[in-house]
């Protein structure tokens, strides 16, 4: 049987960075570290919304990325 331990988590925000020469949306990514394992989706979204207020780009997407160590 395998076991796992929480290692780390981060928030990855995707921002609208305008249009390229072909009219496609350019994206800008920003990651924020030190996210707790028990963070809820509502809490993460609220935090991302507050962080977005410090910049000028429009928030498009928010992801929680988690890393775990899996061992036997």
PDB file of N, CA and C in Angstrom:
ATOM      1  N   UNK A   1       0.842  -1.172   0.000  1.00  0.00           N
ATOM      2  CA  UNK A   1       0.000   0.000   0.000  1.00  0.00           C
ATOM      3  C   UNK A   1       0.895   1.245   0.000  1.00  0.00           C
ATOM      4  N   UNK A   2       0.551   2.212  -0.796  1.00  0.00           N
ATOM      5  CA  UNK A   2       1.327   3.453  -0.894  1.00  0.00           C
ATOM      6  C   UNK A   2       0.748   4.512   0.049  1.00  0.00           C
ATOM      7  N   UNK A   3       1.624   5.397   0.513  1.00  0.00           N
ATOM      8  CA  UNK A   3       1.243   6.502   1.385  1.00  0.00           C
ATOM      9  C   UNK A   3       1.706   7.805   0.749  1.00  0.00           C
ATOM     10  N   UNK A   4       1.145   8.911   1.201  1.00  0.00           N
ATOM     11  CA  UNK A   4       1.571  10.201   0.669  1.00  0.00           C
ATOM     12  C   UNK A   4       1.641  11.234   1.787  1.00  0.00           C
ATOM     13  N   UNK A   5       2.527  12.194   1.612  1.00  0.00           N
ATOM     14  CA  UNK A   5       2.680  13.322   2.525  1.00  0.00           C
ATOM     15  C   UNK A   5       2.601  14.608   1.712  1.00  0.00           C
ATOM     16  N   UNK A   6       1.871  15.574   2.239  1.00  0.00           N
ATOM     17  CA  UNK A   6       1.792  16.884   1.610  1.00  0.00           C
ATOM     18  C   UNK A   6       3.172  17.531   1.633  1.00  0.00           C
ATOM     19  N   UNK A   7       3.589  18.075   0.509  1.00  0.00           N
ATOM     20  CA  UNK A   7       4.903  18.701   0.394  1.00  0.00           C
ATOM     21  C   UNK A   7       4.776  20.218   0.311  1.00  0.00           C
ATOM     22  N   UNK A   8       4.021  20.709  -0.662  1.00  0.00           N
ATOM     23  CA  UNK A   8       3.843  22.156  -0.830  1.00  0.00           C
ATOM     24  C   UNK A   8       2.666  22.417  -1.758  1.00  0.00           C
ATOM     25  N   UNK A   9       2.206  23.672  -1.759  1.00  0.00           N
ATOM     26  CA  UNK A   9       1.143  24.079  -2.674  1.00  0.00           C
ATOM     27  C   UNK A   9       1.374  25.523  -3.068  1.00  0.00           C
ATOM     28  N   UNK A  10       0.828  25.884  -4.224  1.00  0.00           N
ATOM     29  CA  UNK A  10       0.934  27.261  -4.707  1.00  0.00           C
ATOM     30  C   UNK A  10      -0.326  27.622  -5.483  1.00  0.00           C
ATOM     31  N   UNK A  11      -0.514  28.914  -5.665  1.00  0.00           N
ATOM     32  CA  UNK A  11      -1.609  29.421  -6.496  1.00  0.00           C
ATOM     33  C   UNK A  11      -0.991  29.905  -7.795  1.00  0.00           C
ATOM     34  N   UNK A  12      -1.556  29.510  -8.920  1.00  0.00           N
ATOM     35  CA  UNK A  12      -1.101  29.990 -10.222  1.00  0.00           C
ATOM     36  C   UNK A  12      -2.229  30.797 -10.836  1.00  0.00           C
ATOM     37  N   UNK A  13      -1.988  32.088 -11.017  1.00  0.00           N
ATOM     38  CA  UNK A  13      -2.980  32.988 -11.608  1.00  0.00           C
ATOM     39  C   UNK A  13      -2.626  33.247 -13.065  1.00  0.00           C
ATOM     40  N   UNK A  14      -3.639  33.242 -13.916  1.00  0.00           N
ATOM     41  CA  UNK A  14      -3.469  33.550 -15.326  1.00  0.00           C
ATOM     42  C   UNK A  14      -4.140  34.896 -15.581  1.00  0.00           C
ATOM     43  N   UNK A  15      -3.386  35.815 -16.197  1.00  0.00           N
ATOM     44  CA  UNK A  15      -3.883  37.163 -16.467  1.00  0.00           C
ATOM     45  C   UNK A  15      -3.954  37.415 -17.968  1.00  0.00           C
ATOM     46  N   UNK A  16      -4.901  38.248 -18.379  1.00  0.00           N
ATOM     47  CA  UNK A  16      -5.031  38.686 -19.762  1.00  0.00           C
ATOM     48  C   UNK A  16      -3.932  39.708 -20.026  1.00  0.00           C
ATOM     49  N   UNK A  17      -3.084  39.432 -21.018  1.00  0.00           N
ATOM     50  CA  UNK A  17      -1.954  40.312 -21.330  1.00  0.00           C
ATOM     51  C   UNK A  17      -2.113  40.943 -22.707  1.00  0.00           C
ATOM     52  N   UNK A  18      -3.342  41.180 -23.123  1.00  0.00           N
ATOM     53  CA  UNK A  18      -3.597  41.838 -24.407  1.00  0.00           C
ATOM     54  C   UNK A  18      -3.688  40.849 -25.550  1.00  0.00           C
ATOM     55  N   UNK A  19      -3.562  41.367 -26.765  1.00  0.00           N
ATOM     56  CA  UNK A  19      -3.659  40.553 -27.971  1.00  0.00           C
ATOM     57  C   UNK A  19      -2.340  40.585 -28.728  1.00  0.00           C
ATOM     58  N   UNK A  20      -2.030  39.457 -29.408  1.00  0.00           N
ATOM     59  CA  UNK A  20      -0.831  39.442 -30.245  1.00  0.00           C
ATOM     60  C   UNK A  20      -1.182  39.964 -31.640  1.00  0.00           C
ATOM     61  N   UNK A  21      -0.242  39.891 -32.561  1.00  0.00           N
ATOM     62  CA  UNK A  21      -0.441  40.416 -33.910  1.00  0.00           C
ATOM     63  C   UNK A  21      -1.539  39.675 -34.677  1.00  0.00           C
ATOM     64  N   UNK A  22      -1.830  38.437 -34.288  1.00  0.00           N
ATOM     65  CA  UNK A  22      -2.861  37.642 -34.961  1.00  0.00           C
ATOM     66  C   UNK A  22      -4.222  37.739 -34.280  1.00  0.00           C
ATOM     67  N   UNK A  23      -4.330  38.547 -33.236  1.00  0.00           N
ATOM     68  CA  UNK A  23      -5.595  38.714 -32.538  1.00  0.00           C
ATOM     69  C   UNK A  23      -5.861  37.674 -31.457  1.00  0.00           C
ATOM     70  N   UNK A  24      -4.871  36.850 -31.148  1.00  0.00           N
ATOM     71  CA  UNK A  24      -5.030  35.848 -30.089  1.00  0.00           C
ATOM     72  C   UNK A  24      -4.680  36.467 -28.749  1.00  0.00           C
ATOM     73  N   UNK A  25      -5.352  35.981 -27.711  1.00  0.00           N
ATOM     74  CA  UNK A  25      -5.121  36.489 -26.357  1.00  0.00           C
ATOM     75  C   UNK A  25      -3.764  36.019 -25.858  1.00  0.00           C
ATOM     76  N   UNK A  26      -2.960  36.958 -25.364  1.00  0.00           N
ATOM     77  CA  UNK A  26      -1.701  36.612 -24.714  1.00  0.00           C
ATOM     78  C   UNK A  26      -1.992  36.462 -23.227  1.00  0.00           C
ATOM     79  N   UNK A  27      -1.314  35.524 -22.608  1.00  0.00           N
ATOM     80  CA  UNK A  27      -1.521  35.263 -21.176  1.00  0.00           C
ATOM     81  C   UNK A  27      -0.238  35.521 -20.405  1.00  0.00           C
ATOM     82  N   UNK A  28      -0.402  35.984 -19.177  1.00  0.00           N
ATOM     83  CA  UNK A  28       0.716  36.161 -18.271  1.00  0.00           C
ATOM     84  C   UNK A  28       0.415  35.326 -17.033  1.00  0.00           C
ATOM     85  N   UNK A  29       1.409  34.599 -16.550  1.00  0.00           N
ATOM     86  CA  UNK A  29       1.231  33.720 -15.399  1.00  0.00           C
ATOM     87  C   UNK A  29       2.021  34.244 -14.218  1.00  0.00           C
ATOM     88  N   UNK A  30       1.439  34.117 -13.041  1.00  0.00           N
ATOM     89  CA  UNK A  30       2.100  34.507 -11.797  1.00  0.00           C
ATOM     90  C   UNK A  30       1.767  33.460 -10.751  1.00  0.00           C
ATOM     91  N   UNK A  31       2.800  32.988 -10.041  1.00  0.00           N
ATOM     92  CA  UNK A  31       2.604  31.984  -8.997  1.00  0.00           C
ATOM     93  C   UNK A  31       2.875  32.590  -7.632  1.00  0.00           C
ATOM     94  N   UNK A  32       2.098  32.162  -6.665  1.00  0.00           N
ATOM     95  CA  UNK A  32       2.252  32.596  -5.277  1.00  0.00           C
ATOM     96  C   UNK A  32       2.433  31.341  -4.436  1.00  0.00           C
ATOM     97  N   UNK A  33       3.502  31.308  -3.651  1.00  0.00           N
ATOM     98  CA  UNK A  33       3.870  30.123  -2.876  1.00  0.00           C
ATOM     99  C   UNK A  33       3.277  30.150  -1.470  1.00  0.00           C
ATOM    100  N   UNK A  34       3.556  29.102  -0.720  1.00  0.00           N
ATOM    101  CA  UNK A  34       3.184  28.970   0.694  1.00  0.00           C
ATOM    102  C   UNK A  34       1.676  28.909   0.923  1.00  0.00           C
ATOM    103  N   UNK A  35       0.982  28.151   0.106  1.00  0.00           N
ATOM    104  CA  UNK A  35      -0.451  27.930   0.273  1.00  0.00           C
ATOM    105  C   UNK A  35      -0.630  26.720   1.174  1.00  0.00           C
ATOM    106  N   UNK A  36      -1.518  26.818   2.123  1.00  0.00           N
ATOM    107  CA  UNK A  36      -1.759  25.714   3.062  1.00  0.00           C
ATOM    108  C   UNK A  36      -2.540  24.593   2.380  1.00  0.00           C
ATOM    109  N   UNK A  37      -2.319  23.389   2.851  1.00  0.00           N
ATOM    110  CA  UNK A  37      -2.983  22.207   2.289  1.00  0.00           C
ATOM    111  C   UNK A  37      -4.500  22.303   2.429  1.00  0.00           C
ATOM    112  N   UNK A  38      -4.981  22.851   3.537  1.00  0.00           N
ATOM    113  CA  UNK A  38      -6.412  22.899   3.831  1.00  0.00           C
ATOM    114  C   UNK A  38      -7.121  24.101   3.210  1.00  0.00           C
ATOM    115  N   UNK A  39      -6.447  24.872   2.385  1.00  0.00           N
ATOM    116  CA  UNK A  39      -7.065  26.056   1.775  1.00  0.00           C
ATOM    117  C   UNK A  39      -8.267  25.656   0.928  1.00  0.00           C
ATOM    118  N   UNK A  40      -9.359  26.399   1.099  1.00  0.00           N
ATOM    119  CA  UNK A  40     -10.579  26.102   0.345  1.00  0.00           C
ATOM    120  C   UNK A  40     -10.570  26.845  -0.984  1.00  0.00           C
ATOM    121  N   UNK A  41     -11.407  26.411  -1.896  1.00  0.00           N
ATOM    122  CA  UNK A  41     -11.514  27.061  -3.197  1.00  0.00           C
ATOM    123  C   UNK A  41     -11.961  28.518  -3.035  1.00  0.00           C
ATOM    124  N   UNK A  42     -12.918  28.766  -2.127  1.00  0.00           N
ATOM    125  CA  UNK A  42     -13.381  30.136  -1.891  1.00  0.00           C
ATOM    126  C   UNK A  42     -12.252  31.011  -1.359  1.00  0.00           C
ATOM    127  N   UNK A  43     -11.483  30.490  -0.417  1.00  0.00           N
ATOM    128  CA  UNK A  43     -10.382  31.250   0.152  1.00  0.00           C
ATOM    129  C   UNK A  43      -9.308  31.567  -0.870  1.00  0.00           C
ATOM    130  N   UNK A  44      -8.993  30.593  -1.709  1.00  0.00           N
ATOM    131  CA  UNK A  44      -7.990  30.803  -2.751  1.00  0.00           C
ATOM    132  C   UNK A  44      -8.471  31.839  -3.752  1.00  0.00           C
ATOM    133  N   UNK A  45      -9.734  31.749  -4.162  1.00  0.00           N
ATOM    134  CA  UNK A  45     -10.255  32.711  -5.132  1.00  0.00           C
ATOM    135  C   UNK A  45     -10.277  34.127  -4.550  1.00  0.00           C
ATOM    136  N   UNK A  46     -10.692  34.269  -3.304  1.00  0.00           N
ATOM    137  CA  UNK A  46     -10.715  35.588  -2.669  1.00  0.00           C
ATOM    138  C   UNK A  46      -9.301  36.179  -2.581  1.00  0.00           C
ATOM    139  N   UNK A  47      -8.335  35.341  -2.247  1.00  0.00           N
ATOM    140  CA  UNK A  47      -6.952  35.800  -2.176  1.00  0.00           C
ATOM    141  C   UNK A  47      -6.456  36.238  -3.546  1.00  0.00           C
ATOM    142  N   UNK A  48      -6.755  35.463  -4.574  1.00  0.00           N
ATOM    143  CA  UNK A  48      -6.344  35.819  -5.932  1.00  0.00           C
ATOM    144  C   UNK A  48      -7.000  37.126  -6.373  1.00  0.00           C
ATOM    145  N   UNK A  49      -8.260  37.337  -6.005  1.00  0.00           N
ATOM    146  CA  UNK A  49      -8.953  38.577  -6.358  1.00  0.00           C
ATOM    147  C   UNK A  49      -8.292  39.779  -5.692  1.00  0.00           C
ATOM    148  N   UNK A  50      -7.895  39.637  -4.434  1.00  0.00           N
ATOM    149  CA  UNK A  50      -7.213  40.731  -3.723  1.00  0.00           C
ATOM    150  C   UNK A  50      -5.863  41.011  -4.370  1.00  0.00           C
ATOM    151  N   UNK A  51      -5.115  39.962  -4.692  1.00  0.00           N
ATOM    152  CA  UNK A  51      -3.812  40.147  -5.329  1.00  0.00           C
ATOM    153  C   UNK A  51      -3.943  40.809  -6.698  1.00  0.00           C
ATOM    154  N   UNK A  52      -5.016  40.504  -7.413  1.00  0.00           N
ATOM    155  CA  UNK A  52      -5.255  41.105  -8.727  1.00  0.00           C
ATOM    156  C   UNK A  52      -5.470  42.611  -8.619  1.00  0.00           C
ATOM    157  N   UNK A  53      -6.043  43.065  -7.512  1.00  0.00           N
ATOM    158  CA  UNK A  53      -6.279  44.506  -7.330  1.00  0.00           C
ATOM    159  C   UNK A  53      -4.989  45.313  -7.273  1.00  0.00           C
ATOM    160  N   UNK A  54      -3.843  44.663  -7.003  1.00  0.00           N
ATOM    161  CA  UNK A  54      -2.566  45.357  -6.958  1.00  0.00           C
ATOM    162  C   UNK A  54      -1.994  45.612  -8.349  1.00  0.00           C
ATOM    163  N   UNK A  55      -2.556  44.983  -9.368  1.00  0.00           N
ATOM    164  CA  UNK A  55      -2.062  45.128 -10.736  1.00  0.00           C
ATOM    165  C   UNK A  55      -3.109  45.720 -11.647  1.00  0.00           C
ATOM    166  N   UNK A  56      -2.799  45.726 -12.947  1.00  0.00           N
ATOM    167  CA  UNK A  56      -3.711  46.310 -13.924  1.00  0.00           C
ATOM    168  C   UNK A  56      -4.301  45.273 -14.874  1.00  0.00           C
ATOM    169  N   UNK A  57      -3.817  44.050 -14.826  1.00  0.00           N
ATOM    170  CA  UNK A  57      -4.272  43.006 -15.739  1.00  0.00           C
ATOM    171  C   UNK A  57      -5.533  42.325 -15.207  1.00  0.00           C
ATOM    172  N   UNK A  58      -6.353  41.804 -16.115  1.00  0.00           N
ATOM    173  CA  UNK A  58      -7.590  41.122 -15.767  1.00  0.00           C
ATOM    174  C   UNK A  58      -7.305  39.652 -15.445  1.00  0.00           C
ATOM    175  N   UNK A  59      -7.843  39.173 -14.329  1.00  0.00           N
ATOM    176  CA  UNK A  59      -7.686  37.779 -13.918  1.00  0.00           C
ATOM    177  C   UNK A  59      -8.550  36.884 -14.799  1.00  0.00           C
ATOM    178  N   UNK A  60      -7.931  35.841 -15.372  1.00  0.00           N
ATOM    179  CA  UNK A  60      -8.654  34.919 -16.240  1.00  0.00           C
ATOM    180  C   UNK A  60      -8.899  33.566 -15.572  1.00  0.00           C
ATOM    181  N   UNK A  61      -7.928  33.102 -14.777  1.00  0.00           N
ATOM    182  CA  UNK A  61      -8.003  31.739 -14.251  1.00  0.00           C
ATOM    183  C   UNK A  61      -7.164  31.643 -12.980  1.00  0.00           C
ATOM    184  N   UNK A  62      -7.581  30.782 -12.049  1.00  0.00           N
ATOM    185  CA  UNK A  62      -6.839  30.525 -10.815  1.00  0.00           C
ATOM    186  C   UNK A  62      -6.723  29.012 -10.637  1.00  0.00           C
ATOM    187  N   UNK A  63      -5.506  28.538 -10.347  1.00  0.00           N
ATOM    188  CA  UNK A  63      -5.278  27.117 -10.113  1.00  0.00           C
ATOM    189  C   UNK A  63      -4.544  26.921  -8.795  1.00  0.00           C
ATOM    190  N   UNK A  64      -4.885  25.860  -8.092  1.00  0.00           N
ATOM    191  CA  UNK A  64      -4.101  25.448  -6.927  1.00  0.00           C
ATOM    192  C   UNK A  64      -3.273  24.265  -7.357  1.00  0.00           C
ATOM    193  N   UNK A  65      -1.962  24.384  -7.218  1.00  0.00           N
ATOM    194  CA  UNK A  65      -1.059  23.313  -7.607  1.00  0.00           C
ATOM    195  C   UNK A  65      -0.449  22.738  -6.340  1.00  0.00           C
ATOM    196  N   UNK A  66      -0.605  21.439  -6.145  1.00  0.00           N
ATOM    197  CA  UNK A  66      -0.113  20.762  -4.951  1.00  0.00           C
ATOM    198  C   UNK A  66       0.960  19.741  -5.317  1.00  0.00           C
ATOM    199  N   UNK A  67       1.903  19.573  -4.409  1.00  0.00           N
ATOM    200  CA  UNK A  67       2.940  18.552  -4.570  1.00  0.00           C
ATOM    201  C   UNK A  67       2.887  17.617  -3.372  1.00  0.00           C
ATOM    202  N   UNK A  68       3.008  16.331  -3.639  1.00  0.00           N
ATOM    203  CA  UNK A  68       2.985  15.329  -2.581  1.00  0.00           C
ATOM    204  C   UNK A  68       4.144  14.371  -2.792  1.00  0.00           C
ATOM    205  N   UNK A  69       4.650  13.851  -1.694  1.00  0.00           N
ATOM    206  CA  UNK A  69       5.639  12.789  -1.738  1.00  0.00           C
ATOM    207  C   UNK A  69       4.888  11.480  -1.533  1.00  0.00           C
ATOM    208  N   UNK A  70       5.078  10.564  -2.469  1.00  0.00           N
ATOM    209  CA  UNK A  70       4.401   9.270  -2.399  1.00  0.00           C
ATOM    210  C   UNK A  70       5.466   8.189  -2.173  1.00  0.00           C
ATOM    211  N   UNK A  71       5.222   7.367  -1.187  1.00  0.00           N
ATOM    212  CA  UNK A  71       6.179   6.329  -0.831  1.00  0.00           C
ATOM    213  C   UNK A  71       5.443   5.063  -0.417  1.00  0.00           C
ATOM    214  N   UNK A  72       6.198   4.006  -0.292  1.00  0.00           N
ATOM    215  CA  UNK A  72       5.596   2.732   0.067  1.00  0.00           C
ATOM    216  C   UNK A  72       5.936   2.336   1.461  1.00  0.00           C
TER     217      UNK A  72
END
